[in-house]
Amino acid sequence: MKKIIIFTLAALTAGLFAQDLKLVPPQTKGGATFREALAKRCSLRNYTGKALSAQQLSNLFYAACGMNRKDTKKLTIPTARNVQDIVLYAATAQGIYRYDAESHSLKLLKKGDFRSQMGMQKGMFAKAAVVLIFTSDLSRYNFGGSEAEKKIYAGVHAGFAIQNVGLFCAAEGLGNVVIGSYNRKNVPALLGLGKNQPVMMVQLVGTLK
């Protein structure tokens, strides 16, 4: 009977997560100090495959590019002339999602586990709790410049978000690694990206062994 109850709860949890998900409010106080996070920040790849808690998931996306000033809709990362071009996607065991900073929620794009299809190191990707895909919507740039110049800005913006995630993981006791060898064919196709939305980088986040 106990096994049946556990299985039922797990099935219900998976079902609830396989849809749009309103994240719990992020924690904005407490935790490790900035200096402690700097001292612990490193790339770690050996994950357990265990999912993040609801609070960890919320704090992760808030750190990456959440909205920390609701009155002006400003983010936890700076962007040139506030273009806010970074569009963050995430792949989990339940599906692929797009993060919406204003509502602090995950919008379901595709049900199913596609993590192992996103990288060359399939086993590592499959055990990451979250595969973060940082993209830039170049159409949001409302000032002059070539596409190459816009991509430079976009790369810097993505770098801010990636470092925020790395410091959050260090403070939280989670592992993370930035991956350049993602599958350049599968990732844009799975996310349905257009030509004006390049993938800037992929970052894995997971619980540690």
N, C-alpha and C. Protein backbone atom coordinates (compact mmCIF):
# COMPACT_ATOMS: atom_id res chain seq x y z
N MET A 1 0.83 -1.20 0.00
CA MET A 1 0.00 0.00 0.00
C MET A 1 0.87 1.26 0.00
N LYS A 2 1.95 1.24 0.81
CA LYS A 2 2.84 2.39 0.88
C LYS A 2 3.46 2.69 -0.47
N LYS A 3 3.86 1.63 -1.20
CA LYS A 3 4.47 1.81 -2.52
C LYS A 3 3.48 2.41 -3.50
N ILE A 4 2.22 1.99 -3.40
CA ILE A 4 1.17 2.51 -4.29
C ILE A 4 0.96 4.00 -4.05
N ILE A 5 0.93 4.40 -2.75
CA ILE A 5 0.73 5.80 -2.40
C ILE A 5 1.87 6.66 -2.92
N ILE A 6 3.11 6.16 -2.73
CA ILE A 6 4.29 6.90 -3.21
C ILE A 6 4.25 7.05 -4.71
N PHE A 7 3.90 5.97 -5.41
CA PHE A 7 3.84 6.01 -6.87
C PHE A 7 2.78 7.00 -7.33
N THR A 8 1.62 7.00 -6.65
CA THR A 8 0.53 7.90 -7.02
C THR A 8 0.93 9.35 -6.83
N LEU A 9 1.58 9.66 -5.71
CA LEU A 9 2.03 11.02 -5.46
C LEU A 9 3.06 11.47 -6.49
N ALA A 10 3.97 10.56 -6.85
CA ALA A 10 4.98 10.89 -7.86
C ALA A 10 4.32 11.15 -9.20
N ALA A 11 3.33 10.35 -9.55
CA ALA A 11 2.62 10.53 -10.82
C ALA A 11 1.87 11.85 -10.85
N LEU A 12 1.23 12.20 -9.71
CA LEU A 12 0.50 13.47 -9.65
C LEU A 12 1.45 14.65 -9.76
N THR A 13 2.62 14.54 -9.08
CA THR A 13 3.61 15.62 -9.14
C THR A 13 4.11 15.82 -10.57
N ALA A 14 4.40 14.71 -11.25
CA ALA A 14 4.87 14.79 -12.63
C ALA A 14 3.80 15.40 -13.52
N GLY A 15 2.55 15.05 -13.28
CA GLY A 15 1.46 15.57 -14.08
C GLY A 15 1.28 17.06 -13.90
N LEU A 16 1.41 17.52 -12.64
CA LEU A 16 1.28 18.95 -12.36
C LEU A 16 2.41 19.74 -12.99
N PHE A 17 3.61 19.13 -13.00
CA PHE A 17 4.75 19.86 -13.53
C PHE A 17 4.75 19.89 -15.04
N ALA A 18 4.03 18.96 -15.68
CA ALA A 18 3.99 18.91 -17.14
C ALA A 18 2.95 19.88 -17.68
N GLN A 19 2.98 21.10 -17.19
CA GLN A 19 2.10 22.17 -17.65
C GLN A 19 2.76 23.49 -17.23
N ASP A 20 2.12 24.62 -17.55
CA ASP A 20 2.67 25.89 -17.08
C ASP A 20 2.82 25.83 -15.56
N LEU A 21 3.91 26.37 -15.06
CA LEU A 21 4.19 26.28 -13.63
C LEU A 21 4.44 27.66 -13.05
N LYS A 22 3.60 28.08 -12.13
CA LYS A 22 3.81 29.33 -11.38
C LYS A 22 4.80 29.04 -10.27
N LEU A 23 5.96 29.67 -10.31
CA LEU A 23 6.99 29.43 -9.32
C LEU A 23 6.65 30.10 -7.99
N VAL A 24 7.11 29.50 -6.91
CA VAL A 24 6.90 30.11 -5.59
C VAL A 24 7.74 31.39 -5.53
N PRO A 25 7.41 32.32 -4.65
CA PRO A 25 8.19 33.56 -4.56
C PRO A 25 9.66 33.27 -4.27
N PRO A 26 10.58 33.98 -4.93
CA PRO A 26 12.01 33.73 -4.69
C PRO A 26 12.44 34.28 -3.35
N GLN A 27 13.45 33.67 -2.77
CA GLN A 27 14.03 34.18 -1.53
C GLN A 27 15.01 35.30 -1.89
N THR A 28 14.86 36.45 -1.28
CA THR A 28 15.72 37.59 -1.58
C THR A 28 16.60 37.99 -0.40
N LYS A 29 16.52 37.23 0.68
CA LYS A 29 17.34 37.51 1.86
C LYS A 29 17.93 36.21 2.38
N GLY A 30 19.05 36.34 3.11
CA GLY A 30 19.67 35.19 3.73
C GLY A 30 20.58 34.42 2.78
N GLY A 31 21.02 33.25 3.21
CA GLY A 31 21.91 32.44 2.39
C GLY A 31 23.36 32.81 2.58
N ALA A 32 24.21 32.22 1.75
CA ALA A 32 25.65 32.48 1.83
C ALA A 32 25.97 33.92 1.45
N THR A 33 27.08 34.42 1.94
CA THR A 33 27.51 35.77 1.57
C THR A 33 28.08 35.74 0.15
N PHE A 34 28.20 36.91 -0.43
CA PHE A 34 28.76 37.03 -1.78
C PHE A 34 30.18 36.48 -1.82
N ARG A 35 30.99 36.79 -0.82
CA ARG A 35 32.37 36.32 -0.80
C ARG A 35 32.43 34.80 -0.66
N GLU A 36 31.52 34.24 0.12
CA GLU A 36 31.48 32.77 0.26
C GLU A 36 31.12 32.12 -1.07
N ALA A 37 30.18 32.72 -1.78
CA ALA A 37 29.77 32.18 -3.08
C ALA A 37 30.92 32.25 -4.07
N LEU A 38 31.66 33.36 -4.07
CA LEU A 38 32.82 33.49 -4.96
C LEU A 38 33.86 32.42 -4.67
N ALA A 39 34.08 32.14 -3.39
CA ALA A 39 35.10 31.17 -3.00
C ALA A 39 34.71 29.74 -3.42
N LYS A 40 33.40 29.49 -3.49
CA LYS A 40 32.93 28.13 -3.80
C LYS A 40 32.59 27.93 -5.28
N ARG A 41 32.54 29.01 -6.06
CA ARG A 41 32.10 28.87 -7.44
C ARG A 41 33.08 28.03 -8.26
N CYS A 42 32.56 27.00 -8.92
CA CYS A 42 33.37 26.14 -9.77
C CYS A 42 32.45 25.34 -10.68
N SER A 43 33.02 24.70 -11.68
CA SER A 43 32.25 23.86 -12.60
C SER A 43 32.21 22.43 -12.08
N LEU A 44 31.02 21.87 -11.94
CA LEU A 44 30.84 20.51 -11.43
C LEU A 44 29.89 19.77 -12.36
N ARG A 45 30.21 18.50 -12.63
CA ARG A 45 29.48 17.75 -13.66
C ARG A 45 28.83 16.46 -13.18
N ASN A 46 29.12 16.00 -11.98
CA ASN A 46 28.60 14.71 -11.53
C ASN A 46 27.30 14.92 -10.74
N TYR A 47 26.18 14.70 -11.41
CA TYR A 47 24.87 14.96 -10.83
C TYR A 47 24.15 13.67 -10.43
N THR A 48 23.23 13.81 -9.50
CA THR A 48 22.50 12.65 -9.00
C THR A 48 21.29 12.30 -9.88
N GLY A 49 20.80 13.27 -10.63
CA GLY A 49 19.56 13.07 -11.38
C GLY A 49 18.33 13.49 -10.59
N LYS A 50 18.51 13.87 -9.33
CA LYS A 50 17.40 14.30 -8.48
C LYS A 50 16.93 15.70 -8.87
N ALA A 51 15.63 15.92 -8.81
CA ALA A 51 15.06 17.22 -9.16
C ALA A 51 15.35 18.25 -8.08
N LEU A 52 15.30 19.53 -8.44
CA LEU A 52 15.45 20.61 -7.48
C LEU A 52 14.15 20.78 -6.70
N SER A 53 14.25 21.33 -5.50
CA SER A 53 13.03 21.64 -4.74
C SER A 53 12.32 22.82 -5.40
N ALA A 54 11.08 23.04 -5.02
CA ALA A 54 10.31 24.15 -5.58
C ALA A 54 10.99 25.49 -5.29
N GLN A 55 11.56 25.63 -4.08
CA GLN A 55 12.22 26.88 -3.73
C GLN A 55 13.52 27.06 -4.49
N GLN A 56 14.29 25.98 -4.66
CA GLN A 56 15.53 26.06 -5.43
C GLN A 56 15.24 26.44 -6.88
N LEU A 57 14.19 25.87 -7.44
CA LEU A 57 13.82 26.16 -8.82
C LEU A 57 13.46 27.63 -8.97
N SER A 58 12.70 28.15 -8.04
CA SER A 58 12.30 29.56 -8.07
C SER A 58 13.52 30.47 -7.95
N ASN A 59 14.38 30.18 -6.99
CA ASN A 59 15.57 31.00 -6.77
C ASN A 59 16.51 30.96 -7.97
N LEU A 60 16.59 29.81 -8.62
CA LEU A 60 17.46 29.65 -9.79
C LEU A 60 17.07 30.60 -10.91
N PHE A 61 15.78 30.62 -11.26
CA PHE A 61 15.34 31.47 -12.37
C PHE A 61 15.36 32.95 -12.00
N TYR A 62 15.09 33.24 -10.74
CA TYR A 62 15.20 34.62 -10.28
C TYR A 62 16.64 35.11 -10.40
N ALA A 63 17.58 34.27 -10.01
CA ALA A 63 18.99 34.64 -10.12
C ALA A 63 19.40 34.84 -11.58
N ALA A 64 18.92 33.97 -12.45
CA ALA A 64 19.34 34.01 -13.86
C ALA A 64 18.92 35.30 -14.53
N CYS A 65 17.66 35.63 -14.47
CA CYS A 65 17.18 36.88 -15.09
C CYS A 65 15.77 37.20 -14.60
N GLY A 66 15.59 37.12 -13.30
CA GLY A 66 14.29 37.43 -12.72
C GLY A 66 14.06 38.92 -12.61
N MET A 67 12.85 39.30 -12.28
CA MET A 67 12.50 40.71 -12.16
C MET A 67 12.63 41.12 -10.70
N ASN A 68 13.60 42.01 -10.41
CA ASN A 68 13.83 42.40 -9.02
C ASN A 68 13.30 43.80 -8.69
N ARG A 69 12.73 44.49 -9.71
CA ARG A 69 12.10 45.79 -9.49
C ARG A 69 10.80 45.83 -10.29
N LYS A 70 9.73 45.39 -9.64
CA LYS A 70 8.45 45.24 -10.32
C LYS A 70 7.92 46.56 -10.87
N ASP A 71 8.21 47.66 -10.17
CA ASP A 71 7.66 48.95 -10.59
C ASP A 71 8.23 49.41 -11.93
N THR A 72 9.49 49.06 -12.20
CA THR A 72 10.11 49.46 -13.46
C THR A 72 10.40 48.27 -14.38
N LYS A 73 10.04 47.07 -13.92
CA LYS A 73 10.24 45.83 -14.68
C LYS A 73 11.71 45.61 -15.05
N LYS A 74 12.60 45.94 -14.11
CA LYS A 74 14.02 45.74 -14.31
C LYS A 74 14.43 44.37 -13.77
N LEU A 75 15.52 43.83 -14.32
CA LEU A 75 15.94 42.46 -14.04
C LEU A 75 17.13 42.37 -13.10
N THR A 76 17.46 41.15 -12.71
CA THR A 76 18.64 40.90 -11.89
C THR A 76 19.92 40.99 -12.71
N ILE A 77 19.81 41.16 -14.03
CA ILE A 77 20.98 41.36 -14.89
C ILE A 77 20.82 42.68 -15.64
N PRO A 78 21.93 43.37 -15.92
CA PRO A 78 21.85 44.58 -16.75
C PRO A 78 21.84 44.22 -18.22
N THR A 79 21.15 45.03 -19.03
CA THR A 79 21.20 44.87 -20.48
C THR A 79 21.32 46.26 -21.11
N ALA A 80 22.00 46.34 -22.25
CA ALA A 80 22.22 47.61 -22.92
C ALA A 80 20.89 48.29 -23.23
N ARG A 81 20.75 49.51 -22.75
CA ARG A 81 19.52 50.30 -22.95
C ARG A 81 18.26 49.54 -22.53
N ASN A 82 18.44 48.63 -21.60
CA ASN A 82 17.33 47.84 -21.06
C ASN A 82 16.56 47.08 -22.15
N VAL A 83 17.27 46.52 -23.13
CA VAL A 83 16.57 45.79 -24.20
C VAL A 83 15.99 44.47 -23.70
N GLN A 84 16.54 43.92 -22.61
CA GLN A 84 16.04 42.67 -22.05
C GLN A 84 15.84 41.62 -23.15
N ASP A 85 16.90 41.37 -23.90
CA ASP A 85 16.82 40.48 -25.05
C ASP A 85 16.96 39.01 -24.70
N ILE A 86 17.47 38.70 -23.51
CA ILE A 86 17.69 37.30 -23.16
C ILE A 86 16.36 36.58 -22.92
N VAL A 87 16.17 35.49 -23.64
CA VAL A 87 15.01 34.62 -23.46
C VAL A 87 15.55 33.29 -22.95
N LEU A 88 15.14 32.93 -21.75
CA LEU A 88 15.68 31.74 -21.08
C LEU A 88 14.72 30.56 -21.21
N TYR A 89 15.26 29.46 -21.70
CA TYR A 89 14.51 28.21 -21.80
C TYR A 89 15.11 27.20 -20.84
N ALA A 90 14.31 26.20 -20.46
CA ALA A 90 14.79 25.17 -19.55
C ALA A 90 14.20 23.82 -19.93
N ALA A 91 15.04 22.81 -19.90
CA ALA A 91 14.59 21.44 -20.14
C ALA A 91 14.74 20.66 -18.84
N THR A 92 13.67 19.97 -18.46
CA THR A 92 13.67 19.13 -17.27
C THR A 92 13.18 17.75 -17.66
N ALA A 93 13.02 16.89 -16.68
CA ALA A 93 12.52 15.54 -16.96
C ALA A 93 11.10 15.57 -17.49
N GLN A 94 10.37 16.66 -17.19
CA GLN A 94 8.95 16.74 -17.58
C GLN A 94 8.71 17.44 -18.91
N GLY A 95 9.61 18.34 -19.31
CA GLY A 95 9.35 19.05 -20.55
C GLY A 95 10.31 20.20 -20.78
N ILE A 96 10.02 20.97 -21.83
CA ILE A 96 10.79 22.17 -22.16
C ILE A 96 9.94 23.39 -21.86
N TYR A 97 10.52 24.37 -21.18
CA TYR A 97 9.78 25.54 -20.72
C TYR A 97 10.48 26.83 -21.12
N ARG A 98 9.70 27.90 -21.19
CA ARG A 98 10.25 29.24 -21.36
C ARG A 98 9.97 30.02 -20.08
N TYR A 99 10.99 30.68 -19.56
CA TYR A 99 10.82 31.44 -18.32
C TYR A 99 10.24 32.81 -18.62
N ASP A 100 9.18 33.18 -17.88
CA ASP A 100 8.57 34.50 -17.97
C ASP A 100 8.87 35.24 -16.68
N ALA A 101 9.72 36.27 -16.78
CA ALA A 101 10.18 36.98 -15.58
C ALA A 101 9.06 37.77 -14.92
N GLU A 102 8.20 38.39 -15.70
CA GLU A 102 7.17 39.26 -15.13
C GLU A 102 6.20 38.48 -14.24
N SER A 103 5.82 37.29 -14.67
CA SER A 103 4.91 36.46 -13.86
C SER A 103 5.67 35.46 -13.00
N HIS A 104 6.99 35.41 -13.16
CA HIS A 104 7.86 34.45 -12.47
C HIS A 104 7.27 33.04 -12.59
N SER A 105 7.17 32.62 -13.84
CA SER A 105 6.57 31.31 -14.11
C SER A 105 7.28 30.65 -15.30
N LEU A 106 7.05 29.35 -15.43
CA LEU A 106 7.59 28.58 -16.54
C LEU A 106 6.45 28.22 -17.48
N LYS A 107 6.58 28.58 -18.74
CA LYS A 107 5.56 28.32 -19.74
C LYS A 107 5.93 27.05 -20.52
N LEU A 108 5.07 26.06 -20.46
CA LEU A 108 5.36 24.78 -21.12
C LEU A 108 5.33 24.92 -22.63
N LEU A 109 6.40 24.48 -23.28
CA LEU A 109 6.47 24.46 -24.74
C LEU A 109 6.28 23.06 -25.30
N LYS A 110 6.86 22.08 -24.60
CA LYS A 110 6.84 20.72 -25.14
C LYS A 110 6.94 19.73 -23.99
N LYS A 111 6.02 18.78 -23.92
CA LYS A 111 6.07 17.75 -22.88
C LYS A 111 7.07 16.67 -23.26
N GLY A 112 7.71 16.09 -22.24
CA GLY A 112 8.64 15.00 -22.48
C GLY A 112 10.06 15.36 -22.05
N ASP A 113 10.89 14.35 -21.92
CA ASP A 113 12.27 14.54 -21.48
C ASP A 113 13.19 14.57 -22.71
N PHE A 114 13.71 15.75 -23.03
CA PHE A 114 14.56 15.94 -24.20
C PHE A 114 16.00 16.30 -23.82
N ARG A 115 16.33 16.18 -22.54
CA ARG A 115 17.64 16.63 -22.08
C ARG A 115 18.79 15.93 -22.79
N SER A 116 18.71 14.62 -22.93
CA SER A 116 19.82 13.88 -23.53
C SER A 116 20.01 14.19 -25.01
N GLN A 117 18.98 14.78 -25.64
CA GLN A 117 19.08 15.14 -27.05
C GLN A 117 19.76 16.50 -27.26
N MET A 118 20.08 17.18 -26.16
CA MET A 118 20.58 18.54 -26.27
C MET A 118 22.10 18.65 -26.22
N GLY A 119 22.78 17.58 -25.84
CA GLY A 119 24.23 17.67 -25.71
C GLY A 119 24.94 16.43 -26.20
N MET A 120 26.22 16.57 -26.45
CA MET A 120 27.03 15.45 -26.90
C MET A 120 27.27 14.46 -25.76
N GLN A 121 27.38 14.98 -24.52
CA GLN A 121 27.56 14.12 -23.35
C GLN A 121 26.17 13.77 -22.80
N LYS A 122 25.54 12.81 -23.45
CA LYS A 122 24.13 12.51 -23.19
C LYS A 122 23.85 12.14 -21.74
N GLY A 123 24.74 11.34 -21.14
CA GLY A 123 24.52 10.91 -19.76
C GLY A 123 24.52 12.07 -18.79
N MET A 124 25.45 13.01 -18.97
CA MET A 124 25.53 14.17 -18.08
C MET A 124 24.30 15.06 -18.26
N PHE A 125 23.89 15.28 -19.49
CA PHE A 125 22.70 16.10 -19.75
C PHE A 125 21.47 15.45 -19.12
N ALA A 126 21.35 14.13 -19.22
CA ALA A 126 20.18 13.43 -18.72
C ALA A 126 20.07 13.49 -17.20
N LYS A 127 21.20 13.63 -16.50
CA LYS A 127 21.19 13.66 -15.04
C LYS A 127 21.14 15.07 -14.46
N ALA A 128 21.26 16.08 -15.30
CA ALA A 128 21.12 17.46 -14.81
C ALA A 128 19.66 17.70 -14.45
N ALA A 129 19.42 18.33 -13.32
CA ALA A 129 18.04 18.62 -12.93
C ALA A 129 17.40 19.59 -13.92
N VAL A 130 18.19 20.56 -14.38
CA VAL A 130 17.71 21.56 -15.32
C VAL A 130 18.80 21.85 -16.35
N VAL A 131 18.41 21.83 -17.62
CA VAL A 131 19.29 22.28 -18.69
C VAL A 131 18.80 23.67 -19.09
N LEU A 132 19.61 24.68 -18.81
CA LEU A 132 19.25 26.06 -19.14
C LEU A 132 19.79 26.41 -20.52
N ILE A 133 18.94 27.00 -21.35
CA ILE A 133 19.36 27.43 -22.69
C ILE A 133 19.15 28.93 -22.78
N PHE A 134 20.25 29.67 -22.88
CA PHE A 134 20.19 31.13 -22.97
C PHE A 134 20.15 31.54 -24.43
N THR A 135 19.10 32.23 -24.83
CA THR A 135 18.98 32.71 -26.20
C THR A 135 18.80 34.22 -26.17
N SER A 136 18.98 34.84 -27.34
CA SER A 136 18.75 36.28 -27.45
C SER A 136 17.74 36.54 -28.56
N ASP A 137 16.77 37.39 -28.27
CA ASP A 137 15.82 37.83 -29.28
C ASP A 137 16.35 39.13 -29.88
N LEU A 138 17.05 39.03 -31.01
CA LEU A 138 17.70 40.20 -31.60
C LEU A 138 16.70 41.24 -32.09
N SER A 139 15.45 40.86 -32.28
CA SER A 139 14.44 41.82 -32.73
C SER A 139 14.11 42.85 -31.64
N ARG A 140 14.52 42.59 -30.42
CA ARG A 140 14.25 43.52 -29.32
C ARG A 140 15.20 44.71 -29.30
N TYR A 141 16.29 44.63 -30.07
CA TYR A 141 17.24 45.73 -30.09
C TYR A 141 16.63 46.92 -30.83
N ASN A 142 16.40 47.99 -30.10
CA ASN A 142 15.73 49.17 -30.66
C ASN A 142 16.71 50.30 -30.95
N PHE A 143 17.99 49.95 -31.06
CA PHE A 143 18.98 50.96 -31.42
C PHE A 143 19.87 50.40 -32.52
N GLY A 144 20.57 51.26 -33.21
CA GLY A 144 21.34 50.88 -34.38
C GLY A 144 22.46 49.90 -34.08
N GLY A 145 23.03 49.39 -35.16
CA GLY A 145 24.12 48.44 -35.02
C GLY A 145 23.91 47.24 -35.91
N SER A 146 25.00 46.62 -36.29
CA SER A 146 24.92 45.43 -37.13
C SER A 146 24.50 44.22 -36.30
N GLU A 147 24.18 43.14 -36.99
CA GLU A 147 23.82 41.90 -36.29
C GLU A 147 24.99 41.41 -35.45
N ALA A 148 26.20 41.56 -35.97
CA ALA A 148 27.39 41.14 -35.23
C ALA A 148 27.53 41.92 -33.93
N GLU A 149 27.27 43.24 -33.99
CA GLU A 149 27.37 44.07 -32.79
C GLU A 149 26.29 43.68 -31.77
N LYS A 150 25.09 43.39 -32.27
CA LYS A 150 24.01 42.98 -31.38
C LYS A 150 24.34 41.67 -30.68
N LYS A 151 24.99 40.77 -31.40
CA LYS A 151 25.36 39.47 -30.82
C LYS A 151 26.44 39.63 -29.76
N ILE A 152 27.28 40.67 -29.90
CA ILE A 152 28.27 40.95 -28.85
C ILE A 152 27.56 41.36 -27.57
N TYR A 153 26.61 42.29 -27.70
CA TYR A 153 25.81 42.68 -26.54
C TYR A 153 25.11 41.46 -25.94
N ALA A 154 24.49 40.65 -26.82
CA ALA A 154 23.74 39.49 -26.35
C ALA A 154 24.63 38.52 -25.59
N GLY A 155 25.85 38.34 -26.08
CA GLY A 155 26.79 37.45 -25.40
C GLY A 155 27.15 37.94 -24.01
N VAL A 156 27.33 39.26 -23.91
CA VAL A 156 27.63 39.86 -22.60
C VAL A 156 26.44 39.69 -21.66
N HIS A 157 25.25 39.94 -22.17
CA HIS A 157 24.04 39.79 -21.34
C HIS A 157 23.88 38.35 -20.85
N ALA A 158 24.08 37.40 -21.75
CA ALA A 158 23.99 35.99 -21.37
C ALA A 158 25.05 35.66 -20.32
N GLY A 159 26.23 36.26 -20.46
CA GLY A 159 27.31 36.03 -19.49
C GLY A 159 26.93 36.50 -18.09
N PHE A 160 26.23 37.65 -18.01
CA PHE A 160 25.76 38.12 -16.71
C PHE A 160 24.85 37.07 -16.06
N ALA A 161 23.90 36.56 -16.84
CA ALA A 161 22.93 35.60 -16.32
C ALA A 161 23.61 34.29 -15.91
N ILE A 162 24.54 33.84 -16.74
CA ILE A 162 25.25 32.59 -16.46
C ILE A 162 26.06 32.71 -15.16
N GLN A 163 26.72 33.84 -14.97
CA GLN A 163 27.49 34.02 -13.74
C GLN A 163 26.57 34.10 -12.53
N ASN A 164 25.42 34.75 -12.67
CA ASN A 164 24.45 34.77 -11.57
C ASN A 164 24.07 33.35 -11.16
N VAL A 165 23.82 32.50 -12.17
CA VAL A 165 23.45 31.11 -11.91
C VAL A 165 24.59 30.38 -11.22
N GLY A 166 25.82 30.60 -11.69
CA GLY A 166 26.97 29.93 -11.09
C GLY A 166 27.16 30.30 -9.63
N LEU A 167 26.98 31.58 -9.31
CA LEU A 167 27.12 32.02 -7.93
C LEU A 167 25.97 31.50 -7.07
N PHE A 168 24.77 31.48 -7.64
CA PHE A 168 23.63 30.91 -6.90
C PHE A 168 23.90 29.45 -6.56
N CYS A 169 24.36 28.69 -7.54
CA CYS A 169 24.62 27.26 -7.33
C CYS A 169 25.69 27.05 -6.26
N ALA A 170 26.73 27.89 -6.29
CA ALA A 170 27.79 27.78 -5.28
C ALA A 170 27.23 28.04 -3.89
N ALA A 171 26.38 29.04 -3.77
CA ALA A 171 25.78 29.38 -2.48
C ALA A 171 24.80 28.33 -2.00
N GLU A 172 24.16 27.64 -2.95
CA GLU A 172 23.10 26.69 -2.64
C GLU A 172 23.62 25.26 -2.48
N GLY A 173 24.88 25.02 -2.85
CA GLY A 173 25.41 23.66 -2.79
C GLY A 173 25.01 22.81 -3.97
N LEU A 174 24.70 23.45 -5.09
CA LEU A 174 24.34 22.74 -6.32
C LEU A 174 25.53 22.77 -7.28
N GLY A 175 25.51 21.87 -8.25
CA GLY A 175 26.54 21.86 -9.27
C GLY A 175 26.06 22.56 -10.53
N ASN A 176 26.99 23.15 -11.27
CA ASN A 176 26.64 23.73 -12.55
C ASN A 176 27.86 23.70 -13.45
N VAL A 177 27.62 23.67 -14.75
CA VAL A 177 28.71 23.74 -15.71
C VAL A 177 28.17 24.39 -16.99
N VAL A 178 28.97 25.25 -17.59
CA VAL A 178 28.61 25.90 -18.85
C VAL A 178 29.10 25.02 -19.99
N ILE A 179 28.22 24.75 -20.95
CA ILE A 179 28.51 23.80 -22.02
C ILE A 179 28.50 24.50 -23.38
N GLY A 180 29.62 24.43 -24.07
CA GLY A 180 29.67 24.96 -25.44
C GLY A 180 29.38 23.89 -26.47
N SER A 181 29.56 22.62 -26.08
CA SER A 181 29.36 21.51 -27.02
C SER A 181 27.93 20.97 -26.96
N TYR A 182 26.96 21.88 -27.01
CA TYR A 182 25.57 21.45 -27.07
C TYR A 182 25.25 21.06 -28.52
N ASN A 183 24.15 20.39 -28.72
CA ASN A 183 23.77 19.95 -30.06
C ASN A 183 23.18 21.14 -30.82
N ARG A 184 23.95 21.68 -31.75
CA ARG A 184 23.56 22.90 -32.44
C ARG A 184 22.43 22.70 -33.43
N LYS A 185 22.10 21.48 -33.74
CA LYS A 185 20.97 21.19 -34.61
C LYS A 185 19.71 20.95 -33.79
N ASN A 186 19.82 20.12 -32.77
CA ASN A 186 18.64 19.72 -31.99
C ASN A 186 18.08 20.84 -31.13
N VAL A 187 18.96 21.59 -30.46
CA VAL A 187 18.48 22.59 -29.50
C VAL A 187 17.59 23.64 -30.15
N PRO A 188 18.02 24.32 -31.23
CA PRO A 188 17.12 25.30 -31.85
C PRO A 188 15.83 24.68 -32.37
N ALA A 189 15.93 23.45 -32.88
CA ALA A 189 14.73 22.77 -33.42
C ALA A 189 13.75 22.44 -32.30
N LEU A 190 14.24 21.93 -31.18
CA LEU A 190 13.37 21.57 -30.07
C LEU A 190 12.69 22.79 -29.46
N LEU A 191 13.39 23.93 -29.48
CA LEU A 191 12.83 25.15 -28.91
C LEU A 191 12.01 25.95 -29.92
N GLY A 192 12.10 25.58 -31.20
CA GLY A 192 11.37 26.30 -32.23
C GLY A 192 11.89 27.71 -32.44
N LEU A 193 13.21 27.88 -32.40
CA LEU A 193 13.81 29.20 -32.52
C LEU A 193 13.85 29.67 -33.96
N GLY A 194 13.68 30.97 -34.16
CA GLY A 194 13.78 31.58 -35.48
C GLY A 194 15.19 32.07 -35.73
N LYS A 195 15.42 32.63 -36.91
CA LYS A 195 16.76 33.06 -37.29
C LYS A 195 17.25 34.25 -36.47
N ASN A 196 16.33 35.02 -35.89
CA ASN A 196 16.72 36.17 -35.07
C ASN A 196 16.81 35.83 -33.59
N GLN A 197 16.84 34.53 -33.27
CA GLN A 197 16.94 34.12 -31.87
C GLN A 197 18.05 33.08 -31.71
N PRO A 198 19.31 33.52 -31.71
CA PRO A 198 20.43 32.59 -31.60
C PRO A 198 20.59 32.05 -30.18
N VAL A 199 21.07 30.82 -30.09
CA VAL A 199 21.44 30.25 -28.79
C VAL A 199 22.80 30.83 -28.40
N MET A 200 22.88 31.40 -27.21
CA MET A 200 24.12 31.99 -26.75
C MET A 200 24.98 30.98 -26.00
N MET A 201 24.35 30.18 -25.15
CA MET A 201 25.09 29.19 -24.37
C MET A 201 24.10 28.29 -23.63
N VAL A 202 24.62 27.14 -23.19
CA VAL A 202 23.83 26.18 -22.42
C VAL A 202 24.53 25.97 -21.08
N GLN A 203 23.75 25.84 -20.03
CA GLN A 203 24.29 25.65 -18.69
C GLN A 203 23.50 24.56 -17.97
N LEU A 204 24.20 23.60 -17.40
CA LEU A 204 23.56 22.51 -16.67
C LEU A 204 23.57 22.83 -15.18
N VAL A 205 22.49 22.48 -14.51
CA VAL A 205 22.38 22.65 -13.06
C VAL A 205 21.86 21.35 -12.48
N GLY A 206 22.50 20.87 -11.41
CA GLY A 206 22.05 19.62 -10.82
C GLY A 206 22.45 19.46 -9.38
N THR A 207 21.80 18.51 -8.72
CA THR A 207 22.17 18.16 -7.36
C THR A 207 23.40 17.26 -7.41
N LEU A 208 24.24 17.36 -6.38
CA LEU A 208 25.54 16.70 -6.40
C LEU A 208 25.55 15.38 -5.64
N LYS A 209 26.41 14.47 -6.08
CA LYS A 209 26.57 13.18 -5.42
C LYS A 209 27.35 13.37 -4.13
